[in-house]
Amino acid sequence: MAGYSDAPMRQLAAEQGALWTVSEMISARGLLEHDGPDLTLGRPYPGEQNRVVQLFGALPEFLAPAVQRVEEWFAPAAIDLNMGCPVPKVRGKGGACLLQTPEVAYELIRAMKSATSLDVSAKIRLGWDEDRSVEVAQGLDEAGVAVISVHGRTSKQRYTGEADWEAIARVAESVDVPVIGSGDITTLDRAQQRSRLGVASVMIGRGAVGNPWLFRALASGDGRYPSAAVRARTALRHAELQAEFYGEDRFGVRSVKPLRKVLPKYLPDHPQLRDELVKVLTVEDVARVLAPLLQQEEELPTQP
């Protein structure tokens, strides 16, 4: 997820039991124009494993060498082609636009596979403005993808309405490769229900923001929600990982400003903290705002 699944969030997810994590999407062309492996979008945290690096683009002459560069710089476990991002800034450059011209996507997959021995996967939506997911998935299967992830909405829907898991199930039935379902997985019960629809696994995106324990719940079957004190400590640790990974900004500040949209999600039952959490700049600011909860004794986890 652009703006969310960076190294600090991936680390928290992996620690809680996520089997695989996926980087923020990286422009294939932008990657080729970058002059060193310090690019934070793809850079792993120390010791990171089972990380998929996701690329977007629309031209095979950029995707193939970008795959080689990703493998050289970031040592991923696999490489993914983004065919699902619906945001306007990537229109005409890949993402969900490829659902309008799937034959281009098949060519991109073949070009990517020619450049690496790693598995190449694809993340799609149901279609651009109508459901063409079975057709697209079958073409991707023939092109040689190892896995297909399907978000149960069209690009036109973006994140409105509900994800169509019956459509995802039809895709899973139509291809030989594993299909991972995505969309509206926010609780253990919902993940378990969706897992029975013929998919190989479920992918959690927005539902894990501020709730990395969802991965632990899936791994253990225990859906209890951590206490406010535990969640506050994890929010603070997220800020500490952020400052450590990114270091000082151009003003010499180890800023956690990008987490302003994330930190309140750790504590939805404490709305009184939101106004201060969306203003934090440093780890010290986060610790100050969360101090009342950090000082509490740890309580037993409760049901959300």
C-alpha atoms as a PDB file:
ATOM      1  CA  MET A   1       0.000   0.000   0.000  1.00  0.00           C
ATOM      2  CA  ALA A   2       1.464   3.291  -1.086  1.00  0.00           C
ATOM      3  CA  GLY A   3       2.179   5.431   1.954  1.00  0.00           C
ATOM      4  CA  TYR A   4       1.640   2.590   4.398  1.00  0.00           C
ATOM      5  CA  SER A   5       3.503  -0.693   3.777  1.00  0.00           C
ATOM      6  CA  ASP A   6       6.989   0.664   4.309  1.00  0.00           C
ATOM      7  CA  ALA A   7       9.705  -1.142   6.266  1.00  0.00           C
ATOM      8  CA  PRO A   8       8.494  -0.169   9.781  1.00  0.00           C
ATOM      9  CA  MET A   9       4.951  -1.377   9.111  1.00  0.00           C
ATOM     10  CA  ARG A  10       6.203  -4.534   7.403  1.00  0.00           C
ATOM     11  CA  GLN A  11       8.396  -5.289  10.413  1.00  0.00           C
ATOM     12  CA  LEU A  12       5.483  -4.993  12.818  1.00  0.00           C
ATOM     13  CA  ALA A  13       3.322  -7.180  10.566  1.00  0.00           C
ATOM     14  CA  ALA A  14       6.005  -9.856  10.230  1.00  0.00           C
ATOM     15  CA  GLU A  15       6.571  -9.926  13.976  1.00  0.00           C
ATOM     16  CA  GLN A  16       2.875 -10.576  14.452  1.00  0.00           C
ATOM     17  CA  GLY A  17       2.831 -13.504  12.042  1.00  0.00           C
ATOM     18  CA  ALA A  18       2.330 -12.167   8.505  1.00  0.00           C
ATOM     19  CA  LEU A  19       3.588 -14.883   6.149  1.00  0.00           C
ATOM     20  CA  TRP A  20       4.571 -12.451   3.387  1.00  0.00           C
ATOM     21  CA  THR A  21       4.722  -8.690   3.166  1.00  0.00           C
ATOM     22  CA  VAL A  22       4.678  -6.438   0.115  1.00  0.00           C
ATOM     23  CA  SER A  23       6.551  -3.185  -0.374  1.00  0.00           C
ATOM     24  CA  GLU A  24       4.985   0.057  -1.428  1.00  0.00           C
ATOM     25  CA  MET A  25       4.686   0.139  -5.201  1.00  0.00           C
ATOM     26  CA  ILE A  26       7.733   1.456  -7.035  1.00  0.00           C
ATOM     27  CA  SER A  27       7.745   3.034 -10.471  1.00  0.00           C
ATOM     28  CA  ALA A  28       9.851   0.906 -12.818  1.00  0.00           C
ATOM     29  CA  ARG A  29      10.961   3.989 -14.715  1.00  0.00           C
ATOM     30  CA  GLY A  30      11.695   5.918 -11.518  1.00  0.00           C
ATOM     31  CA  LEU A  31      13.759   3.034 -10.200  1.00  0.00           C
ATOM     32  CA  LEU A  32      15.929   3.044 -13.318  1.00  0.00           C
ATOM     33  CA  GLU A  33      16.481   6.777 -12.934  1.00  0.00           C
ATOM     34  CA  HIS A  34      17.596   6.388  -9.315  1.00  0.00           C
ATOM     35  CA  ASP A  35      21.341   6.144  -8.775  1.00  0.00           C
ATOM     36  CA  GLY A  36      21.682   3.849  -5.759  1.00  0.00           C
ATOM     37  CA  PRO A  37      20.114   1.157  -3.571  1.00  0.00           C
ATOM     38  CA  ASP A  38      19.245   3.654  -0.826  1.00  0.00           C
ATOM     39  CA  LEU A  39      15.732   4.054  -2.238  1.00  0.00           C
ATOM     40  CA  THR A  40      13.566   3.646   0.858  1.00  0.00           C
ATOM     41  CA  LEU A  41      10.547   2.314  -1.026  1.00  0.00           C
ATOM     42  CA  GLY A  42      12.285  -0.977  -1.675  1.00  0.00           C
ATOM     43  CA  ARG A  43      14.968  -1.077   0.979  1.00  0.00           C
ATOM     44  CA  PRO A  44      14.500  -3.872   3.539  1.00  0.00           C
ATOM     45  CA  TYR A  45      14.856  -3.467   7.261  1.00  0.00           C
ATOM     46  CA  PRO A  46      17.782  -5.446   8.754  1.00  0.00           C
ATOM     47  CA  GLY A  47      17.093  -9.168   8.553  1.00  0.00           C
ATOM     48  CA  GLU A  48      13.858  -8.803   6.601  1.00  0.00           C
ATOM     49  CA  GLN A  49      12.640 -11.965   4.873  1.00  0.00           C
ATOM     50  CA  ASN A  50       9.643 -13.006   2.767  1.00  0.00           C
ATOM     51  CA  ARG A  51       9.290  -9.531   1.291  1.00  0.00           C
ATOM     52  CA  VAL A  52       7.755  -9.048  -2.142  1.00  0.00           C
ATOM     53  CA  VAL A  53       8.787  -5.903  -4.004  1.00  0.00           C
ATOM     54  CA  GLN A  54       5.978  -4.452  -6.097  1.00  0.00           C
ATOM     55  CA  LEU A  55       6.598  -2.569  -9.337  1.00  0.00           C
ATOM     56  CA  PHE A  56       4.276  -0.576 -11.545  1.00  0.00           C
ATOM     57  CA  GLY A  57       4.737   0.469 -15.141  1.00  0.00           C
ATOM     58  CA  ALA A  58       3.349   0.002 -18.630  1.00  0.00           C
ATOM     59  CA  LEU A  59       6.411  -0.581 -20.823  1.00  0.00           C
ATOM     60  CA  PRO A  60       8.368  -3.852 -20.976  1.00  0.00           C
ATOM     61  CA  GLU A  61      11.581  -1.992 -21.784  1.00  0.00           C
ATOM     62  CA  PHE A  62      11.382  -0.448 -18.301  1.00  0.00           C
ATOM     63  CA  LEU A  63       9.902  -3.373 -16.355  1.00  0.00           C
ATOM     64  CA  ALA A  64      12.532  -5.951 -17.370  1.00  0.00           C
ATOM     65  CA  PRO A  65      15.612  -3.944 -16.322  1.00  0.00           C
ATOM     66  CA  ALA A  66      13.746  -2.690 -13.238  1.00  0.00           C
ATOM     67  CA  VAL A  67      13.253  -6.309 -12.164  1.00  0.00           C
ATOM     68  CA  GLN A  68      16.987  -6.912 -12.504  1.00  0.00           C
ATOM     69  CA  ARG A  69      17.723  -3.814 -10.444  1.00  0.00           C
ATOM     70  CA  VAL A  70      15.243  -4.805  -7.749  1.00  0.00           C
ATOM     71  CA  GLU A  71      16.847  -8.221  -7.454  1.00  0.00           C
ATOM     72  CA  GLU A  72      20.341  -6.715  -7.282  1.00  0.00           C
ATOM     73  CA  TRP A  73      19.552  -3.930  -4.834  1.00  0.00           C
ATOM     74  CA  PHE A  74      16.837  -5.303  -2.561  1.00  0.00           C
ATOM     75  CA  ALA A  75      17.103  -9.138  -2.648  1.00  0.00           C
ATOM     76  CA  PRO A  76      13.333  -9.757  -2.543  1.00  0.00           C
ATOM     77  CA  ALA A  77      11.663 -13.130  -2.210  1.00  0.00           C
ATOM     78  CA  ALA A  78       9.483 -12.391  -5.258  1.00  0.00           C
ATOM     79  CA  ILE A  79       8.438  -9.507  -7.497  1.00  0.00           C
ATOM     80  CA  ASP A  80       4.879  -8.301  -8.067  1.00  0.00           C
ATOM     81  CA  LEU A  81       3.281  -6.279 -10.871  1.00  0.00           C
ATOM     82  CA  ASN A  82       0.724  -3.762  -9.632  1.00  0.00           C
ATOM     83  CA  MET A  83      -2.412  -3.888 -11.764  1.00  0.00           C
ATOM     84  CA  GLY A  84      -4.765  -2.661  -9.091  1.00  0.00           C
ATOM     85  CA  CYS A  85      -3.840   0.859  -8.001  1.00  0.00           C
ATOM     86  CA  PRO A  86      -6.813   3.097  -8.898  1.00  0.00           C
ATOM     87  CA  VAL A  87      -5.346   6.497  -7.999  1.00  0.00           C
ATOM     88  CA  PRO A  88      -5.248   9.119 -10.760  1.00  0.00           C
ATOM     89  CA  LYS A  89      -1.500   9.781 -10.525  1.00  0.00           C
ATOM     90  CA  VAL A  90      -0.644   6.375 -12.018  1.00  0.00           C
ATOM     91  CA  ARG A  91      -3.160   6.503 -14.868  1.00  0.00           C
ATOM     92  CA  GLY A  92      -1.453   5.815 -18.158  1.00  0.00           C
ATOM     93  CA  LYS A  93       1.615   4.577 -16.265  1.00  0.00           C
ATOM     94  CA  GLY A  94       0.340   1.167 -15.189  1.00  0.00           C
ATOM     95  CA  GLY A  95      -1.641   0.152 -12.127  1.00  0.00           C
ATOM     96  CA  ALA A  96      -5.322  -0.506 -12.728  1.00  0.00           C
ATOM     97  CA  CYS A  97      -5.092   1.054 -16.197  1.00  0.00           C
ATOM     98  CA  LEU A  98      -3.642  -2.259 -17.346  1.00  0.00           C
ATOM     99  CA  LEU A  99      -7.064  -3.820 -16.768  1.00  0.00           C
ATOM    100  CA  GLN A 100      -8.263  -1.863 -19.820  1.00  0.00           C
ATOM    101  CA  THR A 101      -5.526  -3.382 -21.979  1.00  0.00           C
ATOM    102  CA  PRO A 102      -4.767  -6.755 -20.386  1.00  0.00           C
ATOM    103  CA  GLU A 103      -2.775  -7.939 -23.378  1.00  0.00           C
ATOM    104  CA  VAL A 104      -0.196  -5.291 -22.427  1.00  0.00           C
ATOM    105  CA  ALA A 105      -0.090  -6.719 -18.906  1.00  0.00           C
ATOM    106  CA  TYR A 106       0.589 -10.216 -20.254  1.00  0.00           C
ATOM    107  CA  GLU A 107       3.517  -8.828 -22.238  1.00  0.00           C
ATOM    108  CA  LEU A 108       4.821  -7.105 -19.117  1.00  0.00           C
ATOM    109  CA  ILE A 109       4.669 -10.335 -17.116  1.00  0.00           C
ATOM    110  CA  ARG A 110       6.600 -12.185 -19.808  1.00  0.00           C
ATOM    111  CA  ALA A 111       9.223  -9.419 -19.890  1.00  0.00           C
ATOM    112  CA  MET A 112       9.576  -9.489 -16.108  1.00  0.00           C
ATOM    113  CA  LYS A 113       9.918 -13.265 -16.053  1.00  0.00           C
ATOM    114  CA  SER A 114      12.609 -13.109 -18.715  1.00  0.00           C
ATOM    115  CA  ALA A 115      14.703 -10.907 -16.414  1.00  0.00           C
ATOM    116  CA  THR A 116      14.664 -13.019 -13.242  1.00  0.00           C
ATOM    117  CA  SER A 117      14.479 -16.511 -11.842  1.00  0.00           C
ATOM    118  CA  LEU A 118      12.322 -15.268  -8.962  1.00  0.00           C
ATOM    119  CA  ASP A 119       8.586 -15.803  -8.900  1.00  0.00           C
ATOM    120  CA  VAL A 120       6.604 -13.005 -10.548  1.00  0.00           C
ATOM    121  CA  SER A 121       3.080 -12.340  -9.321  1.00  0.00           C
ATOM    122  CA  ALA A 122       0.337  -9.854 -10.198  1.00  0.00           C
ATOM    123  CA  LYS A 123      -2.125  -7.871  -8.095  1.00  0.00           C
ATOM    124  CA  ILE A 124      -5.370  -7.067  -9.905  1.00  0.00           C
ATOM    125  CA  ARG A 125      -8.842  -5.683  -9.296  1.00  0.00           C
ATOM    126  CA  LEU A 126     -12.005  -7.118 -10.807  1.00  0.00           C
ATOM    127  CA  GLY A 127     -11.682  -4.782 -13.762  1.00  0.00           C
ATOM    128  CA  TRP A 128     -11.594  -1.131 -14.744  1.00  0.00           C
ATOM    129  CA  ASP A 129     -15.331  -0.409 -14.604  1.00  0.00           C
ATOM    130  CA  GLU A 130     -16.792  -3.905 -15.011  1.00  0.00           C
ATOM    131  CA  ASP A 131     -15.826  -7.403 -13.936  1.00  0.00           C
ATOM    132  CA  ARG A 132     -13.303  -8.918 -16.351  1.00  0.00           C
ATOM    133  CA  SER A 133     -11.346 -10.664 -13.626  1.00  0.00           C
ATOM    134  CA  VAL A 134     -11.649 -14.238 -14.904  1.00  0.00           C
ATOM    135  CA  GLU A 135     -10.497 -13.238 -18.389  1.00  0.00           C
ATOM    136  CA  VAL A 136      -7.581 -11.210 -17.050  1.00  0.00           C
ATOM    137  CA  ALA A 137      -6.552 -13.869 -14.547  1.00  0.00           C
ATOM    138  CA  GLN A 138      -6.558 -16.593 -17.173  1.00  0.00           C
ATOM    139  CA  GLY A 139      -4.346 -14.472 -19.420  1.00  0.00           C
ATOM    140  CA  LEU A 140      -1.949 -13.821 -16.555  1.00  0.00           C
ATOM    141  CA  ASP A 141      -1.868 -17.550 -15.797  1.00  0.00           C
ATOM    142  CA  GLU A 142      -0.933 -18.281 -19.404  1.00  0.00           C
ATOM    143  CA  ALA A 143       1.739 -15.551 -19.278  1.00  0.00           C
ATOM    144  CA  GLY A 144       3.408 -17.368 -16.388  1.00  0.00           C
ATOM    145  CA  VAL A 145       2.554 -15.630 -13.137  1.00  0.00           C
ATOM    146  CA  ALA A 146       3.170 -17.664 -10.003  1.00  0.00           C
ATOM    147  CA  VAL A 147       0.374 -16.094  -7.926  1.00  0.00           C
ATOM    148  CA  ILE A 148      -2.538 -13.753  -8.581  1.00  0.00           C
ATOM    149  CA  SER A 149      -3.918 -11.456  -5.882  1.00  0.00           C
ATOM    150  CA  VAL A 150      -7.431 -10.147  -6.500  1.00  0.00           C
ATOM    151  CA  HIS A 151      -9.060  -7.162  -4.816  1.00  0.00           C
ATOM    152  CA  GLY A 152     -12.811  -7.552  -5.001  1.00  0.00           C
ATOM    153  CA  ARG A 153     -13.671  -4.142  -6.451  1.00  0.00           C
ATOM    154  CA  THR A 154     -13.272  -2.473  -9.826  1.00  0.00           C
ATOM    155  CA  SER A 155     -10.959   0.473 -10.271  1.00  0.00           C
ATOM    156  CA  LYS A 156     -13.975   2.738 -10.724  1.00  0.00           C
ATOM    157  CA  GLN A 157     -15.248   1.710  -7.287  1.00  0.00           C
ATOM    158  CA  ARG A 158     -11.921   2.476  -5.641  1.00  0.00           C
ATOM    159  CA  TYR A 159     -12.799   1.655  -1.990  1.00  0.00           C
ATOM    160  CA  THR A 160     -16.548   2.279  -2.036  1.00  0.00           C
ATOM    161  CA  GLY A 161     -19.116  -0.410  -1.434  1.00  0.00           C
ATOM    162  CA  GLU A 162     -18.161  -3.926  -0.387  1.00  0.00           C
ATOM    163  CA  ALA A 163     -15.554  -6.214  -1.922  1.00  0.00           C
ATOM    164  CA  ASP A 164     -17.144  -8.929  -4.082  1.00  0.00           C
ATOM    165  CA  TRP A 165     -15.722 -12.166  -2.752  1.00  0.00           C
ATOM    166  CA  GLU A 166     -17.962 -14.296  -4.945  1.00  0.00           C
ATOM    167  CA  ALA A 167     -16.156 -12.783  -7.919  1.00  0.00           C
ATOM    168  CA  ILE A 168     -12.814 -13.564  -6.285  1.00  0.00           C
ATOM    169  CA  ALA A 169     -13.971 -17.169  -5.799  1.00  0.00           C
ATOM    170  CA  ARG A 170     -14.794 -17.421  -9.511  1.00  0.00           C
ATOM    171  CA  VAL A 171     -11.268 -16.319 -10.343  1.00  0.00           C
ATOM    172  CA  ALA A 172      -9.820 -18.937  -7.991  1.00  0.00           C
ATOM    173  CA  GLU A 173     -11.844 -21.624  -9.767  1.00  0.00           C
ATOM    174  CA  SER A 174     -10.762 -20.482 -13.231  1.00  0.00           C
ATOM    175  CA  VAL A 175      -6.959 -20.664 -12.990  1.00  0.00           C
ATOM    176  CA  ASP A 176      -4.322 -23.189 -11.999  1.00  0.00           C
ATOM    177  CA  VAL A 177      -2.124 -20.816  -9.988  1.00  0.00           C
ATOM    178  CA  PRO A 178      -2.869 -19.851  -6.363  1.00  0.00           C
ATOM    179  CA  VAL A 179      -5.264 -16.920  -5.940  1.00  0.00           C
ATOM    180  CA  ILE A 180      -5.067 -14.643  -2.896  1.00  0.00           C
ATOM    181  CA  GLY A 181      -8.202 -12.699  -2.039  1.00  0.00           C
ATOM    182  CA  SER A 182      -8.224  -9.113  -0.848  1.00  0.00           C
ATOM    183  CA  GLY A 183     -10.789  -6.630   0.351  1.00  0.00           C
ATOM    184  CA  ASP A 184     -12.427  -5.661   3.650  1.00  0.00           C
ATOM    185  CA  ILE A 185     -10.504  -8.128   5.842  1.00  0.00           C
ATOM    186  CA  THR A 186     -10.688  -6.382   9.199  1.00  0.00           C
ATOM    187  CA  THR A 187     -11.410  -9.184  11.686  1.00  0.00           C
ATOM    188  CA  LEU A 188     -10.449 -12.795  12.308  1.00  0.00           C
ATOM    189  CA  ASP A 189     -14.006 -13.992  11.672  1.00  0.00           C
ATOM    190  CA  ARG A 190     -14.169 -12.259   8.323  1.00  0.00           C
ATOM    191  CA  ALA A 191     -10.774 -13.642   7.298  1.00  0.00           C
ATOM    192  CA  GLN A 192     -11.828 -17.155   8.225  1.00  0.00           C
ATOM    193  CA  GLN A 193     -15.100 -16.844   6.306  1.00  0.00           C
ATOM    194  CA  ARG A 194     -13.374 -15.536   3.177  1.00  0.00           C
ATOM    195  CA  SER A 195     -10.702 -18.228   3.357  1.00  0.00           C
ATOM    196  CA  ARG A 196     -13.392 -20.853   2.758  1.00  0.00           C
ATOM    197  CA  LEU A 197     -14.194 -19.481  -0.705  1.00  0.00           C
ATOM    198  CA  GLY A 198     -11.509 -21.409  -2.556  1.00  0.00           C
ATOM    199  CA  VAL A 199      -8.679 -18.902  -2.266  1.00  0.00           C
ATOM    200  CA  ALA A 200      -5.185 -19.975  -1.285  1.00  0.00           C
ATOM    201  CA  SER A 201      -4.963 -17.232   1.326  1.00  0.00           C
ATOM    202  CA  VAL A 202      -6.164 -13.734   2.171  1.00  0.00           C
ATOM    203  CA  MET A 203      -4.293 -10.461   1.797  1.00  0.00           C
ATOM    204  CA  ILE A 204      -4.766  -7.784   4.428  1.00  0.00           C
ATOM    205  CA  GLY A 205      -4.132  -4.156   3.589  1.00  0.00           C
ATOM    206  CA  ARG A 206      -6.037  -1.281   5.167  1.00  0.00           C
ATOM    207  CA  GLY A 207      -7.349  -3.601   7.884  1.00  0.00           C
ATOM    208  CA  ALA A 208      -3.849  -3.995   9.302  1.00  0.00           C
ATOM    209  CA  VAL A 209      -3.131  -0.272   9.611  1.00  0.00           C
ATOM    210  CA  GLY A 210      -2.964   0.317  13.347  1.00  0.00           C
ATOM    211  CA  ASN A 211      -3.842  -3.336  13.922  1.00  0.00           C
ATOM    212  CA  PRO A 212      -0.876  -5.621  13.179  1.00  0.00           C
ATOM    213  CA  TRP A 213      -2.346  -8.094  15.704  1.00  0.00           C
ATOM    214  CA  LEU A 214      -4.754  -9.197  12.978  1.00  0.00           C
ATOM    215  CA  PHE A 215      -1.924 -11.325  11.572  1.00  0.00           C
ATOM    216  CA  ARG A 216      -1.362 -12.906  14.979  1.00  0.00           C
ATOM    217  CA  ALA A 217      -5.071 -13.646  15.209  1.00  0.00           C
ATOM    218  CA  LEU A 218      -4.978 -15.449  11.863  1.00  0.00           C
ATOM    219  CA  ALA A 219      -1.924 -17.458  12.852  1.00  0.00           C
ATOM    220  CA  SER A 220      -3.223 -18.444  16.284  1.00  0.00           C
ATOM    221  CA  GLY A 221      -6.982 -18.371  15.926  1.00  0.00           C
ATOM    222  CA  ASP A 222      -7.170 -16.017  18.908  1.00  0.00           C
ATOM    223  CA  GLY A 223      -9.002 -12.852  17.921  1.00  0.00           C
ATOM    224  CA  ARG A 224      -8.763 -11.015  21.236  1.00  0.00           C
ATOM    225  CA  TYR A 225      -7.872  -7.342  20.927  1.00  0.00           C
ATOM    226  CA  PRO A 226      -4.883  -6.015  22.920  1.00  0.00           C
ATOM    227  CA  SER A 227      -5.395  -3.604  25.776  1.00  0.00           C
ATOM    228  CA  ALA A 228      -5.001   0.128  25.227  1.00  0.00           C
ATOM    229  CA  ALA A 229      -1.640   0.030  27.015  1.00  0.00           C
ATOM    230  CA  VAL A 230      -0.298  -2.641  24.643  1.00  0.00           C
ATOM    231  CA  ARG A 231      -1.590  -0.762  21.625  1.00  0.00           C
ATOM    232  CA  ALA A 232      -0.037   2.477  22.848  1.00  0.00           C
ATOM    233  CA  ARG A 233       3.324   0.781  23.323  1.00  0.00           C
ATOM    234  CA  THR A 234       3.132  -0.647  19.808  1.00  0.00           C
ATOM    235  CA  ALA A 235       2.221   2.755  18.387  1.00  0.00           C
ATOM    236  CA  LEU A 236       5.267   4.216  20.120  1.00  0.00           C
ATOM    237  CA  ARG A 237       7.431   1.396  18.790  1.00  0.00           C
ATOM    238  CA  HIS A 238       6.127   2.085  15.288  1.00  0.00           C
ATOM    239  CA  ALA A 239       7.309   5.662  15.714  1.00  0.00           C
ATOM    240  CA  GLU A 240      10.703   4.471  16.974  1.00  0.00           C
ATOM    241  CA  LEU A 241      11.110   2.139  13.989  1.00  0.00           C
ATOM    242  CA  GLN A 242      10.106   4.991  11.681  1.00  0.00           C
ATOM    243  CA  ALA A 243      12.738   7.324  13.097  1.00  0.00           C
ATOM    244  CA  GLU A 244      15.417   4.633  13.025  1.00  0.00           C
ATOM    245  CA  PHE A 245      14.736   3.506   9.462  1.00  0.00           C
ATOM    246  CA  TYR A 246      14.449   6.921   7.818  1.00  0.00           C
ATOM    247  CA  GLY A 247      16.897   8.864   9.973  1.00  0.00           C
ATOM    248  CA  GLU A 248      17.115  12.634   9.885  1.00  0.00           C
ATOM    249  CA  ASP A 249      15.251  14.675   7.308  1.00  0.00           C
ATOM    250  CA  ARG A 250      16.729  17.684   5.521  1.00  0.00           C
ATOM    251  CA  PHE A 251      16.073  19.772   8.628  1.00  0.00           C
ATOM    252  CA  GLY A 252      18.025  17.393  10.857  1.00  0.00           C
ATOM    253  CA  VAL A 253      14.869  16.016  12.484  1.00  0.00           C
ATOM    254  CA  ARG A 254      14.114  12.297  12.894  1.00  0.00           C
ATOM    255  CA  SER A 255      10.563  12.979  11.837  1.00  0.00           C
ATOM    256  CA  VAL A 256       7.575  10.691  12.319  1.00  0.00           C
ATOM    257  CA  LYS A 257       5.233  13.056  10.492  1.00  0.00           C
ATOM    258  CA  PRO A 258       4.142  10.368   7.956  1.00  0.00           C
ATOM    259  CA  LEU A 259       2.624   8.416  10.872  1.00  0.00           C
ATOM    260  CA  ARG A 260       0.128  11.129  11.720  1.00  0.00           C
ATOM    261  CA  LYS A 261      -2.490   9.283   9.627  1.00  0.00           C
ATOM    262  CA  VAL A 262      -1.606   5.928  11.221  1.00  0.00           C
ATOM    263  CA  LEU A 263      -1.169   6.491  14.953  1.00  0.00           C
ATOM    264  CA  PRO A 264      -4.834   7.325  15.736  1.00  0.00           C
ATOM    265  CA  LYS A 265      -5.842   3.979  14.223  1.00  0.00           C
ATOM    266  CA  TYR A 266      -4.053   2.155  17.044  1.00  0.00           C
ATOM    267  CA  LEU A 267      -6.431   3.736  19.542  1.00  0.00           C
ATOM    268  CA  PRO A 268      -9.863   4.197  17.945  1.00  0.00           C
ATOM    269  CA  ASP A 269     -11.422   3.889  21.401  1.00  0.00           C
ATOM    270  CA  HIS A 270      -9.466   6.928  22.631  1.00  0.00           C
ATOM    271  CA  PRO A 271     -10.649   9.673  20.246  1.00  0.00           C
ATOM    272  CA  GLN A 272      -9.516  12.356  22.703  1.00  0.00           C
ATOM    273  CA  LEU A 273      -5.915  11.622  21.652  1.00  0.00           C
ATOM    274  CA  ARG A 274      -6.490  12.099  17.938  1.00  0.00           C
ATOM    275  CA  ASP A 275      -6.031  15.865  17.773  1.00  0.00           C
ATOM    276  CA  GLU A 276      -2.591  15.585  19.360  1.00  0.00           C
ATOM    277  CA  LEU A 277      -1.511  12.453  17.462  1.00  0.00           C
ATOM    278  CA  VAL A 278      -2.107  14.137  14.111  1.00  0.00           C
ATOM    279  CA  LYS A 279       0.309  16.904  15.122  1.00  0.00           C
ATOM    280  CA  VAL A 280       3.301  14.839  16.296  1.00  0.00           C
ATOM    281  CA  LEU A 281       6.701  15.414  14.735  1.00  0.00           C
ATOM    282  CA  THR A 282       9.120  13.312  16.794  1.00  0.00           C
ATOM    283  CA  VAL A 283       9.181  10.101  18.819  1.00  0.00           C
ATOM    284  CA  GLU A 284       9.255  12.254  21.943  1.00  0.00           C
ATOM    285  CA  ASP A 285       5.990  13.891  20.869  1.00  0.00           C
ATOM    286  CA  VAL A 286       4.376  10.483  20.468  1.00  0.00           C
ATOM    287  CA  ALA A 287       5.592   9.355  23.893  1.00  0.00           C
ATOM    288  CA  ARG A 288       4.210  12.532  25.471  1.00  0.00           C
ATOM    289  CA  VAL A 289       0.761  12.151  23.921  1.00  0.00           C
ATOM    290  CA  LEU A 290       0.541   8.467  24.803  1.00  0.00           C
ATOM    291  CA  ALA A 291       1.986   8.839  28.312  1.00  0.00           C
ATOM    292  CA  PRO A 292      -1.346   8.328  30.139  1.00  0.00           C
ATOM    293  CA  LEU A 293      -1.800   4.946  28.446  1.00  0.00           C
ATOM    294  CA  LEU A 294       1.858   3.934  28.567  1.00  0.00           C
ATOM    295  CA  GLN A 295       1.786   4.317  32.331  1.00  0.00           C
ATOM    296  CA  GLN A 296      -1.119   1.942  32.758  1.00  0.00           C
ATOM    297  CA  GLU A 297      -0.518  -1.603  33.873  1.00  0.00           C
ATOM    298  CA  GLU A 298      -0.983  -4.126  31.108  1.00  0.00           C
ATOM    299  CA  GLU A 299      -4.493  -5.505  31.037  1.00  0.00           C
ATOM    300  CA  LEU A 300      -5.743  -8.761  29.603  1.00  0.00           C
ATOM    301  CA  PRO A 301      -6.652  -8.526  25.915  1.00  0.00           C
ATOM    302  CA  THR A 302     -10.313  -7.919  25.238  1.00  0.00           C
ATOM    303  CA  GLN A 303     -12.641  -8.555  22.339  1.00  0.00           C
ATOM    304  CA  PRO A 304     -12.684  -5.666  19.838  1.00  0.00           C
END
